[in-house]
Protein backbone atom coordinates (compact mmCIF):
# COMPACT_ATOMS: atom_id res chain seq x y z
CA UNK A 1 9.50 44.95 5.26
CA UNK A 2 9.96 41.33 6.28
CA UNK A 3 8.00 38.50 4.72
CA UNK A 4 6.12 36.02 6.97
CA UNK A 5 7.35 32.46 6.52
CA UNK A 6 4.85 29.75 6.84
CA UNK A 7 5.98 26.29 8.07
CA UNK A 8 4.18 23.46 6.37
CA UNK A 9 2.72 20.87 8.77
CA UNK A 10 3.07 17.34 7.67
CA UNK A 11 0.27 14.98 8.43
CA UNK A 12 1.13 11.60 9.83
CA UNK A 13 -0.95 8.45 9.91
CA UNK A 14 -4.01 7.65 7.76
CA UNK A 15 -6.21 10.50 6.42
CA UNK A 16 -9.32 8.24 6.28
CA UNK A 17 -10.73 6.58 9.44
CA UNK A 18 -10.10 2.89 9.73
CA UNK A 19 -13.05 0.49 9.39
CA UNK A 20 -13.60 -1.56 12.44
CA UNK A 21 -15.17 -4.90 11.41
CA UNK A 22 -16.64 -7.24 14.12
CA UNK A 23 -15.60 -11.03 13.79
CA UNK A 24 -19.13 -11.79 12.58
CA UNK A 25 -18.82 -9.16 9.73
CA UNK A 26 -15.33 -10.59 8.77
CA UNK A 27 -16.70 -14.13 8.53
CA UNK A 28 -19.72 -12.97 6.47
CA UNK A 29 -17.39 -11.07 4.13
CA UNK A 30 -15.09 -14.21 3.71
CA UNK A 31 -18.22 -16.38 2.87
CA UNK A 32 -19.54 -13.77 0.40
CA UNK A 33 -16.13 -13.60 -1.22
CA UNK A 34 -15.84 -17.40 -1.44
CA UNK A 35 -19.34 -17.70 -3.04
CA UNK A 36 -18.43 -15.05 -5.60
CA UNK A 37 -15.18 -16.75 -6.47
CA UNK A 38 -17.01 -20.08 -6.93
CA UNK A 39 -19.52 -18.43 -9.32
CA UNK A 40 -16.68 -16.98 -11.30
CA UNK A 41 -14.68 -20.14 -11.28
CA UNK A 42 -17.51 -22.20 -12.89
CA UNK A 43 -17.38 -19.88 -15.86
CA UNK A 44 -13.63 -19.92 -15.96
CA UNK A 45 -13.56 -23.72 -15.87
CA UNK A 46 -16.10 -24.00 -18.59
CA UNK A 47 -14.14 -21.55 -20.92
CA UNK A 48 -10.63 -22.47 -20.08
CA UNK A 49 -10.25 -25.64 -22.27
CA UNK A 50 -11.00 -23.65 -25.49
CA UNK A 51 -8.30 -21.02 -24.77
CA UNK A 52 -5.57 -22.84 -22.81
CA UNK A 53 -3.64 -23.93 -26.00
CA UNK A 54 -3.91 -20.66 -27.93
CA UNK A 55 -3.96 -18.06 -25.12
CA UNK A 56 -1.77 -19.59 -22.36
CA UNK A 57 -0.91 -17.28 -19.58
CA UNK A 58 -3.25 -14.61 -20.96
CA UNK A 59 -5.80 -13.00 -18.53
CA UNK A 60 -9.54 -13.59 -18.29
CA UNK A 61 -11.88 -11.28 -16.35
CA UNK A 62 -15.13 -12.82 -15.46
CA UNK A 63 -18.44 -11.03 -14.64
CA UNK A 64 -20.59 -13.83 -13.05
CA UNK A 65 -24.06 -12.24 -13.25
CA UNK A 66 -24.01 -11.94 -17.11
CA UNK A 67 -21.62 -14.76 -17.74
CA UNK A 68 -19.45 -12.37 -19.77
CA UNK A 69 -15.68 -12.91 -19.91
CA UNK A 70 -12.91 -10.76 -21.41
CA UNK A 71 -9.49 -12.04 -22.49
CA UNK A 72 -6.32 -10.22 -23.29
CA UNK A 73 -2.57 -10.69 -22.92
CA UNK A 74 -2.46 -7.46 -20.78
CA UNK A 75 -4.07 -7.73 -17.40
CA UNK A 76 -5.09 -3.99 -17.23
CA UNK A 77 -6.52 -4.06 -20.76
CA UNK A 78 -8.62 -7.13 -19.98
CA UNK A 79 -9.94 -5.30 -16.83
CA UNK A 80 -10.57 -2.15 -18.90
CA UNK A 81 -12.63 -4.10 -21.48
CA UNK A 82 -14.77 -5.57 -18.62
CA UNK A 83 -15.27 -2.24 -16.99
CA UNK A 84 -16.35 -0.58 -20.32
CA UNK A 85 -19.01 -3.31 -20.95
CA UNK A 86 -20.10 -3.33 -17.25
CA UNK A 87 -19.35 0.20 -16.04
CA UNK A 88 -21.41 0.00 -12.74
CA UNK A 89 -20.31 -3.52 -11.75
CA UNK A 90 -17.62 -3.49 -9.02
CA UNK A 91 -17.07 -7.24 -8.53
CA UNK A 92 -15.10 -8.72 -11.33
CA UNK A 93 -12.73 -11.59 -10.92
CA UNK A 94 -9.39 -11.93 -12.76
CA UNK A 95 -8.00 -15.35 -13.72
CA UNK A 96 -4.93 -16.34 -15.70
CA UNK A 97 -5.50 -18.91 -18.39
CA UNK A 98 -3.29 -21.80 -17.12
CA UNK A 99 -3.68 -24.98 -15.21
CA UNK A 100 -4.46 -23.27 -11.96
CA UNK A 101 -6.15 -20.03 -13.03
CA UNK A 102 -4.00 -18.12 -10.49
CA UNK A 103 -2.98 -14.64 -11.78
CA UNK A 104 -0.36 -13.73 -9.25
CA UNK A 105 1.93 -14.99 -6.65
CA UNK A 106 2.21 -14.30 -2.88
């Protein structure tokens, strides 16, 4: 008896549908993101002077609603600490403790 062979079909393209944003929605999203960044930056700028000498180039994750911040040399561990304390909070902002606060390069 011969066995049936099944050919696997490879999917191409995206599995999930793409989100279509209008220009107004994109503009609103940019404004909301900038407001969130500014709220986080106020906390970062207040805390940065105490840690810049001792924790230079460490990571700081800021949760602006509570004012909490989490510092660690490892980016992922700092984010994990923040998510453990604030499990339902999606928006967290990551800074690097240096002169600019930028955590990565483009």
